[in-house]
């Protein structure tokens, strides 16, 4: 499949729709073949096709075609959640930077649900140390202007949303001119786009993802360089 993989098969949609409607172990066990074909094998083929495309965008990126590599596991961690459904109802991918897989460096992210495709670049949330570094980078003239340029480049390339603005007021101790003040309200930084769910099953989806990842990468590159 990986040599000719261009878009996800209908089996992927069937599995995601099925696990959404029947989120229980009995259904999962009865449809394990559907899971293997539509989730695991299709996921591996997608990662294999994306790896060289992402390397052309950022040579340091990691793309591992396995579950618990770039393919997120379908099982939910319900230990500390009120939602006790055992399975996720989406297929997630994460392509990261750094020697160890994690969320503390920028990367490329893709989520496929029965209805939508969500993808983008960046870091959804900063830890305390990274958040402090980000705020200093916003305030400093060189890195702050570079951030403005990165975001302008992304927005000029398409209808991308810039997140993660979570604060209502800027933090104490950080001041900057009005052209960059808004960035002090961010506690993560991403550039994302949401597409119809049908996009995942349409020929050319792999190339479409590569184009969106390339268009949003200036934000990831800024994070990788400055933080």
C-alpha atoms as a PDB file:
ATOM      1  CA  UNK A   1       0.000   0.000   0.000  1.00  0.00           C
ATOM      2  CA  UNK A   2       2.779   2.443   0.912  1.00  0.00           C
ATOM      3  CA  UNK A   3       4.262   2.528  -2.604  1.00  0.00           C
ATOM      4  CA  UNK A   4       1.020   3.680  -4.202  1.00  0.00           C
ATOM      5  CA  UNK A   5      -0.661   5.405  -1.235  1.00  0.00           C
ATOM      6  CA  UNK A   6      -2.184   8.709  -2.315  1.00  0.00           C
ATOM      7  CA  UNK A   7      -5.194   9.104  -0.004  1.00  0.00           C
ATOM      8  CA  UNK A   8      -6.951   7.156   2.728  1.00  0.00           C
ATOM      9  CA  UNK A   9      -9.207   4.241   1.772  1.00  0.00           C
ATOM     10  CA  UNK A  10     -12.899   4.116   2.582  1.00  0.00           C
ATOM     11  CA  UNK A  11     -11.995   1.485   5.191  1.00  0.00           C
ATOM     12  CA  UNK A  12     -10.568   4.298   7.320  1.00  0.00           C
ATOM     13  CA  UNK A  13     -13.867   6.164   7.245  1.00  0.00           C
ATOM     14  CA  UNK A  14     -15.782   2.979   8.000  1.00  0.00           C
ATOM     15  CA  UNK A  15     -13.646   2.303  11.057  1.00  0.00           C
ATOM     16  CA  UNK A  16     -13.819   5.871  12.394  1.00  0.00           C
ATOM     17  CA  UNK A  17     -17.573   6.083  11.853  1.00  0.00           C
ATOM     18  CA  UNK A  18     -18.037   2.675  13.428  1.00  0.00           C
ATOM     19  CA  UNK A  19     -15.961   3.369  16.535  1.00  0.00           C
ATOM     20  CA  UNK A  20     -17.783   6.691  16.946  1.00  0.00           C
ATOM     21  CA  UNK A  21     -21.163   4.968  16.986  1.00  0.00           C
ATOM     22  CA  UNK A  22     -20.045   1.839  18.869  1.00  0.00           C
ATOM     23  CA  UNK A  23     -17.329   2.879  21.283  1.00  0.00           C
ATOM     24  CA  UNK A  24     -17.005  -0.405  23.119  1.00  0.00           C
ATOM     25  CA  UNK A  25     -14.592  -3.302  23.275  1.00  0.00           C
ATOM     26  CA  UNK A  26     -17.046  -5.825  21.809  1.00  0.00           C
ATOM     27  CA  UNK A  27     -17.413  -3.829  18.588  1.00  0.00           C
ATOM     28  CA  UNK A  28     -13.665  -3.159  18.391  1.00  0.00           C
ATOM     29  CA  UNK A  29     -12.800  -6.830  18.820  1.00  0.00           C
ATOM     30  CA  UNK A  30     -15.366  -7.840  16.199  1.00  0.00           C
ATOM     31  CA  UNK A  31     -13.898  -5.294  13.758  1.00  0.00           C
ATOM     32  CA  UNK A  32     -10.204  -5.717  14.457  1.00  0.00           C
ATOM     33  CA  UNK A  33      -9.521  -6.462  10.773  1.00  0.00           C
ATOM     34  CA  UNK A  34     -11.125  -3.136   9.874  1.00  0.00           C
ATOM     35  CA  UNK A  35      -8.944  -1.410  12.474  1.00  0.00           C
ATOM     36  CA  UNK A  36      -5.789  -3.054  11.138  1.00  0.00           C
ATOM     37  CA  UNK A  37      -6.561  -2.155   7.524  1.00  0.00           C
ATOM     38  CA  UNK A  38      -8.157   1.266   7.903  1.00  0.00           C
ATOM     39  CA  UNK A  39      -6.235   2.622  10.881  1.00  0.00           C
ATOM     40  CA  UNK A  40      -2.897   0.854  11.303  1.00  0.00           C
ATOM     41  CA  UNK A  41      -1.874  -0.117   7.757  1.00  0.00           C
ATOM     42  CA  UNK A  42      -3.342   2.980   6.147  1.00  0.00           C
ATOM     43  CA  UNK A  43      -1.618   5.079   8.808  1.00  0.00           C
ATOM     44  CA  UNK A  44       1.725   3.421   8.165  1.00  0.00           C
ATOM     45  CA  UNK A  45       1.389   3.991   4.426  1.00  0.00           C
ATOM     46  CA  UNK A  46       0.526   7.649   4.979  1.00  0.00           C
ATOM     47  CA  UNK A  47       3.553   8.228   7.223  1.00  0.00           C
ATOM     48  CA  UNK A  48       5.836   6.462   4.752  1.00  0.00           C
ATOM     49  CA  UNK A  49       4.659   8.785   1.986  1.00  0.00           C
ATOM     50  CA  UNK A  50       4.844  11.902   4.154  1.00  0.00           C
ATOM     51  CA  UNK A  51       8.361  11.243   5.502  1.00  0.00           C
ATOM     52  CA  UNK A  52      10.354  12.426   2.447  1.00  0.00           C
ATOM     53  CA  UNK A  53       7.966  15.326   1.836  1.00  0.00           C
ATOM     54  CA  UNK A  54       8.349  16.545   5.405  1.00  0.00           C
ATOM     55  CA  UNK A  55      12.113  16.060   5.303  1.00  0.00           C
ATOM     56  CA  UNK A  56      12.182  18.417   2.323  1.00  0.00           C
ATOM     57  CA  UNK A  57      10.440  21.027   4.488  1.00  0.00           C
ATOM     58  CA  UNK A  58      12.434  20.402   7.680  1.00  0.00           C
ATOM     59  CA  UNK A  59      15.315  17.883   7.513  1.00  0.00           C
ATOM     60  CA  UNK A  60      15.291  17.345  11.291  1.00  0.00           C
ATOM     61  CA  UNK A  61      11.714  16.093  11.477  1.00  0.00           C
ATOM     62  CA  UNK A  62      10.949  12.566  12.730  1.00  0.00           C
ATOM     63  CA  UNK A  63       8.371  10.467  10.875  1.00  0.00           C
ATOM     64  CA  UNK A  64       7.989   6.919  12.223  1.00  0.00           C
ATOM     65  CA  UNK A  65       5.413   4.683  10.478  1.00  0.00           C
ATOM     66  CA  UNK A  66       4.176   2.802  13.534  1.00  0.00           C
ATOM     67  CA  UNK A  67       1.595   3.083  16.284  1.00  0.00           C
ATOM     68  CA  UNK A  68       3.110   5.029  19.183  1.00  0.00           C
ATOM     69  CA  UNK A  69       5.505   6.521  16.637  1.00  0.00           C
ATOM     70  CA  UNK A  70       3.940   9.065  14.300  1.00  0.00           C
ATOM     71  CA  UNK A  71       0.602   7.231  14.515  1.00  0.00           C
ATOM     72  CA  UNK A  72      -1.230   7.938  17.758  1.00  0.00           C
ATOM     73  CA  UNK A  73      -2.731   4.904  19.493  1.00  0.00           C
ATOM     74  CA  UNK A  74      -6.483   4.405  19.286  1.00  0.00           C
ATOM     75  CA  UNK A  75      -6.880   3.562  22.982  1.00  0.00           C
ATOM     76  CA  UNK A  76      -7.802   6.411  25.301  1.00  0.00           C
ATOM     77  CA  UNK A  77      -6.192   6.970  28.698  1.00  0.00           C
ATOM     78  CA  UNK A  78      -9.289   7.010  30.907  1.00  0.00           C
ATOM     79  CA  UNK A  79      -7.556   6.843  34.301  1.00  0.00           C
ATOM     80  CA  UNK A  80      -8.139  10.510  35.149  1.00  0.00           C
ATOM     81  CA  UNK A  81     -11.008  11.274  32.802  1.00  0.00           C
ATOM     82  CA  UNK A  82     -14.735  11.402  33.441  1.00  0.00           C
ATOM     83  CA  UNK A  83     -15.194  10.222  29.863  1.00  0.00           C
ATOM     84  CA  UNK A  84     -14.692   6.461  30.110  1.00  0.00           C
ATOM     85  CA  UNK A  85     -15.064   5.647  26.424  1.00  0.00           C
ATOM     86  CA  UNK A  86     -12.191   3.246  25.685  1.00  0.00           C
ATOM     87  CA  UNK A  87     -11.334   4.398  22.148  1.00  0.00           C
ATOM     88  CA  UNK A  88     -10.593   7.603  20.286  1.00  0.00           C
ATOM     89  CA  UNK A  89     -12.927   8.446  17.427  1.00  0.00           C
ATOM     90  CA  UNK A  90     -10.225  10.027  15.276  1.00  0.00           C
ATOM     91  CA  UNK A  91      -6.900   9.121  13.686  1.00  0.00           C
ATOM     92  CA  UNK A  92      -4.026  11.347  14.799  1.00  0.00           C
ATOM     93  CA  UNK A  93      -0.482  11.798  13.483  1.00  0.00           C
ATOM     94  CA  UNK A  94       2.463  13.654  15.010  1.00  0.00           C
ATOM     95  CA  UNK A  95       5.766  14.421  13.298  1.00  0.00           C
ATOM     96  CA  UNK A  96       8.175  15.925  15.808  1.00  0.00           C
ATOM     97  CA  UNK A  97      11.600  17.484  16.192  1.00  0.00           C
ATOM     98  CA  UNK A  98      14.222  16.509  18.733  1.00  0.00           C
ATOM     99  CA  UNK A  99      15.795  13.231  19.788  1.00  0.00           C
ATOM    100  CA  UNK A 100      12.840  12.199  21.935  1.00  0.00           C
ATOM    101  CA  UNK A 101       9.214  12.179  20.866  1.00  0.00           C
ATOM    102  CA  UNK A 102       7.158  14.682  22.794  1.00  0.00           C
ATOM    103  CA  UNK A 103       5.124  17.870  22.664  1.00  0.00           C
ATOM    104  CA  UNK A 104       7.878  20.196  23.877  1.00  0.00           C
ATOM    105  CA  UNK A 105       9.196  20.921  20.390  1.00  0.00           C
ATOM    106  CA  UNK A 106       7.370  22.093  17.250  1.00  0.00           C
ATOM    107  CA  UNK A 107       6.032  19.556  14.813  1.00  0.00           C
ATOM    108  CA  UNK A 108       3.460  18.741  12.153  1.00  0.00           C
ATOM    109  CA  UNK A 109       0.048  17.509  13.282  1.00  0.00           C
ATOM    110  CA  UNK A 110      -2.845  15.818  11.477  1.00  0.00           C
ATOM    111  CA  UNK A 111      -6.214  14.648  12.783  1.00  0.00           C
ATOM    112  CA  UNK A 112      -8.802  12.786  10.712  1.00  0.00           C
ATOM    113  CA  UNK A 113     -12.347  12.488  12.084  1.00  0.00           C
ATOM    114  CA  UNK A 114     -15.430  11.155  10.292  1.00  0.00           C
ATOM    115  CA  UNK A 115     -16.362  14.737   9.387  1.00  0.00           C
ATOM    116  CA  UNK A 116     -13.203  16.857   9.311  1.00  0.00           C
ATOM    117  CA  UNK A 117      -9.494  16.965   8.642  1.00  0.00           C
ATOM    118  CA  UNK A 118      -7.456  19.216  10.916  1.00  0.00           C
ATOM    119  CA  UNK A 119      -3.766  19.858  10.302  1.00  0.00           C
ATOM    120  CA  UNK A 120      -1.062  22.334  11.047  1.00  0.00           C
ATOM    121  CA  UNK A 121       2.282  23.183  12.560  1.00  0.00           C
ATOM    122  CA  UNK A 122       3.586  24.367  15.902  1.00  0.00           C
ATOM    123  CA  UNK A 123       3.168  23.716  19.634  1.00  0.00           C
ATOM    124  CA  UNK A 124      -0.284  23.601  21.233  1.00  0.00           C
ATOM    125  CA  UNK A 125       1.012  24.555  24.657  1.00  0.00           C
ATOM    126  CA  UNK A 126       4.258  25.712  26.249  1.00  0.00           C
ATOM    127  CA  UNK A 127       5.669  24.414  29.492  1.00  0.00           C
ATOM    128  CA  UNK A 128       6.684  27.049  32.041  1.00  0.00           C
ATOM    129  CA  UNK A 129      10.273  27.410  30.837  1.00  0.00           C
ATOM    130  CA  UNK A 130       9.341  27.533  27.150  1.00  0.00           C
ATOM    131  CA  UNK A 131       6.553  30.027  27.830  1.00  0.00           C
ATOM    132  CA  UNK A 132       9.035  32.354  29.518  1.00  0.00           C
ATOM    133  CA  UNK A 133      11.420  32.008  26.558  1.00  0.00           C
ATOM    134  CA  UNK A 134       8.574  32.694  24.140  1.00  0.00           C
ATOM    135  CA  UNK A 135       7.595  35.885  25.925  1.00  0.00           C
ATOM    136  CA  UNK A 136      11.156  37.162  25.921  1.00  0.00           C
ATOM    137  CA  UNK A 137      11.413  36.327  22.216  1.00  0.00           C
ATOM    138  CA  UNK A 138       8.248  38.325  21.529  1.00  0.00           C
ATOM    139  CA  UNK A 139       9.652  41.362  23.330  1.00  0.00           C
ATOM    140  CA  UNK A 140      13.152  41.307  21.844  1.00  0.00           C
ATOM    141  CA  UNK A 141      13.287  43.336  18.584  1.00  0.00           C
ATOM    142  CA  UNK A 142      14.997  40.808  16.285  1.00  0.00           C
ATOM    143  CA  UNK A 143      13.074  37.683  17.314  1.00  0.00           C
ATOM    144  CA  UNK A 144       9.835  39.623  17.746  1.00  0.00           C
ATOM    145  CA  UNK A 145      10.009  41.013  14.226  1.00  0.00           C
ATOM    146  CA  UNK A 146      10.937  37.558  12.933  1.00  0.00           C
ATOM    147  CA  UNK A 147       7.750  36.207  14.545  1.00  0.00           C
ATOM    148  CA  UNK A 148       5.696  38.885  12.814  1.00  0.00           C
ATOM    149  CA  UNK A 149       7.310  37.978   9.500  1.00  0.00           C
ATOM    150  CA  UNK A 150       6.674  34.251  10.010  1.00  0.00           C
ATOM    151  CA  UNK A 151       2.995  34.794  10.771  1.00  0.00           C
ATOM    152  CA  UNK A 152       2.608  37.202   7.858  1.00  0.00           C
ATOM    153  CA  UNK A 153       4.129  34.589   5.558  1.00  0.00           C
ATOM    154  CA  UNK A 154       1.668  31.931   6.744  1.00  0.00           C
ATOM    155  CA  UNK A 155      -1.348  34.210   6.448  1.00  0.00           C
ATOM    156  CA  UNK A 156      -0.319  35.284   2.961  1.00  0.00           C
ATOM    157  CA  UNK A 157      -0.214  31.634   1.885  1.00  0.00           C
ATOM    158  CA  UNK A 158      -3.811  30.801   2.752  1.00  0.00           C
ATOM    159  CA  UNK A 159      -6.696  30.865   5.214  1.00  0.00           C
ATOM    160  CA  UNK A 160      -4.748  29.587   8.218  1.00  0.00           C
ATOM    161  CA  UNK A 161      -5.710  30.158  11.842  1.00  0.00           C
ATOM    162  CA  UNK A 162      -3.022  31.337  14.248  1.00  0.00           C
ATOM    163  CA  UNK A 163      -3.453  29.956  17.818  1.00  0.00           C
ATOM    164  CA  UNK A 164      -3.135  29.525  20.854  1.00  0.00           C
ATOM    165  CA  UNK A 165      -4.249  32.862  22.337  1.00  0.00           C
ATOM    166  CA  UNK A 166      -5.578  31.906  25.757  1.00  0.00           C
ATOM    167  CA  UNK A 167      -4.971  34.947  27.983  1.00  0.00           C
ATOM    168  CA  UNK A 168      -7.181  38.017  28.325  1.00  0.00           C
ATOM    169  CA  UNK A 169      -4.410  40.214  29.694  1.00  0.00           C
ATOM    170  CA  UNK A 170      -0.659  40.237  29.065  1.00  0.00           C
ATOM    171  CA  UNK A 171       1.565  38.807  31.803  1.00  0.00           C
ATOM    172  CA  UNK A 172       3.241  41.124  34.265  1.00  0.00           C
ATOM    173  CA  UNK A 173       6.802  42.135  33.538  1.00  0.00           C
ATOM    174  CA  UNK A 174       6.530  41.976  29.746  1.00  0.00           C
ATOM    175  CA  UNK A 175       5.885  45.055  27.657  1.00  0.00           C
ATOM    176  CA  UNK A 176       6.065  45.540  23.912  1.00  0.00           C
ATOM    177  CA  UNK A 177       4.622  47.872  21.301  1.00  0.00           C
ATOM    178  CA  UNK A 178       1.074  47.439  19.969  1.00  0.00           C
ATOM    179  CA  UNK A 179       2.321  45.662  16.842  1.00  0.00           C
ATOM    180  CA  UNK A 180       3.380  42.634  18.948  1.00  0.00           C
ATOM    181  CA  UNK A 181       1.399  43.015  22.174  1.00  0.00           C
ATOM    182  CA  UNK A 182      -1.187  40.444  21.084  1.00  0.00           C
ATOM    183  CA  UNK A 183       1.438  37.682  21.057  1.00  0.00           C
ATOM    184  CA  UNK A 184       1.890  38.040  24.819  1.00  0.00           C
ATOM    185  CA  UNK A 185      -1.624  36.589  25.147  1.00  0.00           C
ATOM    186  CA  UNK A 186      -0.461  33.313  23.573  1.00  0.00           C
ATOM    187  CA  UNK A 187       0.523  30.267  25.641  1.00  0.00           C
ATOM    188  CA  UNK A 188       1.295  28.122  22.615  1.00  0.00           C
ATOM    189  CA  UNK A 189       1.740  28.860  18.929  1.00  0.00           C
ATOM    190  CA  UNK A 190       0.170  27.020  16.011  1.00  0.00           C
ATOM    191  CA  UNK A 191      -0.833  27.615  12.403  1.00  0.00           C
ATOM    192  CA  UNK A 192      -3.712  25.349  11.382  1.00  0.00           C
ATOM    193  CA  UNK A 193      -6.419  24.739   8.825  1.00  0.00           C
ATOM    194  CA  UNK A 194      -9.617  22.677   8.913  1.00  0.00           C
ATOM    195  CA  UNK A 195     -10.768  20.815   5.789  1.00  0.00           C
ATOM    196  CA  UNK A 196     -13.865  18.740   4.975  1.00  0.00           C
ATOM    197  CA  UNK A 197     -13.597  15.118   6.035  1.00  0.00           C
ATOM    198  CA  UNK A 198     -13.895  14.032   2.403  1.00  0.00           C
ATOM    199  CA  UNK A 199     -10.442  15.498   1.712  1.00  0.00           C
ATOM    200  CA  UNK A 200      -8.764  12.502   3.343  1.00  0.00           C
ATOM    201  CA  UNK A 201     -10.368  10.130   0.818  1.00  0.00           C
ATOM    202  CA  UNK A 202      -9.792  12.276  -2.256  1.00  0.00           C
ATOM    203  CA  UNK A 203      -6.888  11.580  -4.657  1.00  0.00           C
ATOM    204  CA  UNK A 204      -3.961  13.874  -3.987  1.00  0.00           C
ATOM    205  CA  UNK A 205      -4.459  14.040  -0.201  1.00  0.00           C
ATOM    206  CA  UNK A 206      -0.809  13.279   0.593  1.00  0.00           C
ATOM    207  CA  UNK A 207       0.378  16.122  -1.630  1.00  0.00           C
ATOM    208  CA  UNK A 208      -2.334  18.389  -0.206  1.00  0.00           C
ATOM    209  CA  UNK A 209      -1.048  17.758   3.324  1.00  0.00           C
ATOM    210  CA  UNK A 210       2.508  18.448   2.211  1.00  0.00           C
ATOM    211  CA  UNK A 211       1.460  21.800   0.725  1.00  0.00           C
ATOM    212  CA  UNK A 212      -0.354  22.843   3.899  1.00  0.00           C
ATOM    213  CA  UNK A 213       2.525  21.729   6.103  1.00  0.00           C
ATOM    214  CA  UNK A 214       4.968  23.713   3.967  1.00  0.00           C
ATOM    215  CA  UNK A 215       2.729  26.795   4.067  1.00  0.00           C
ATOM    216  CA  UNK A 216       2.407  26.691   7.870  1.00  0.00           C
ATOM    217  CA  UNK A 217       6.033  25.778   8.580  1.00  0.00           C
ATOM    218  CA  UNK A 218       7.344  29.367   9.002  1.00  0.00           C
ATOM    219  CA  UNK A 219       5.681  29.345  12.427  1.00  0.00           C
ATOM    220  CA  UNK A 220       7.291  26.013  13.302  1.00  0.00           C
ATOM    221  CA  UNK A 221      10.645  27.190  11.992  1.00  0.00           C
ATOM    222  CA  UNK A 222      10.469  30.292  14.176  1.00  0.00           C
ATOM    223  CA  UNK A 223       9.760  28.140  17.236  1.00  0.00           C
ATOM    224  CA  UNK A 224      12.562  25.752  16.390  1.00  0.00           C
ATOM    225  CA  UNK A 225      15.044  28.577  15.854  1.00  0.00           C
ATOM    226  CA  UNK A 226      14.092  30.941  18.674  1.00  0.00           C
ATOM    227  CA  UNK A 227      13.009  28.616  21.488  1.00  0.00           C
END
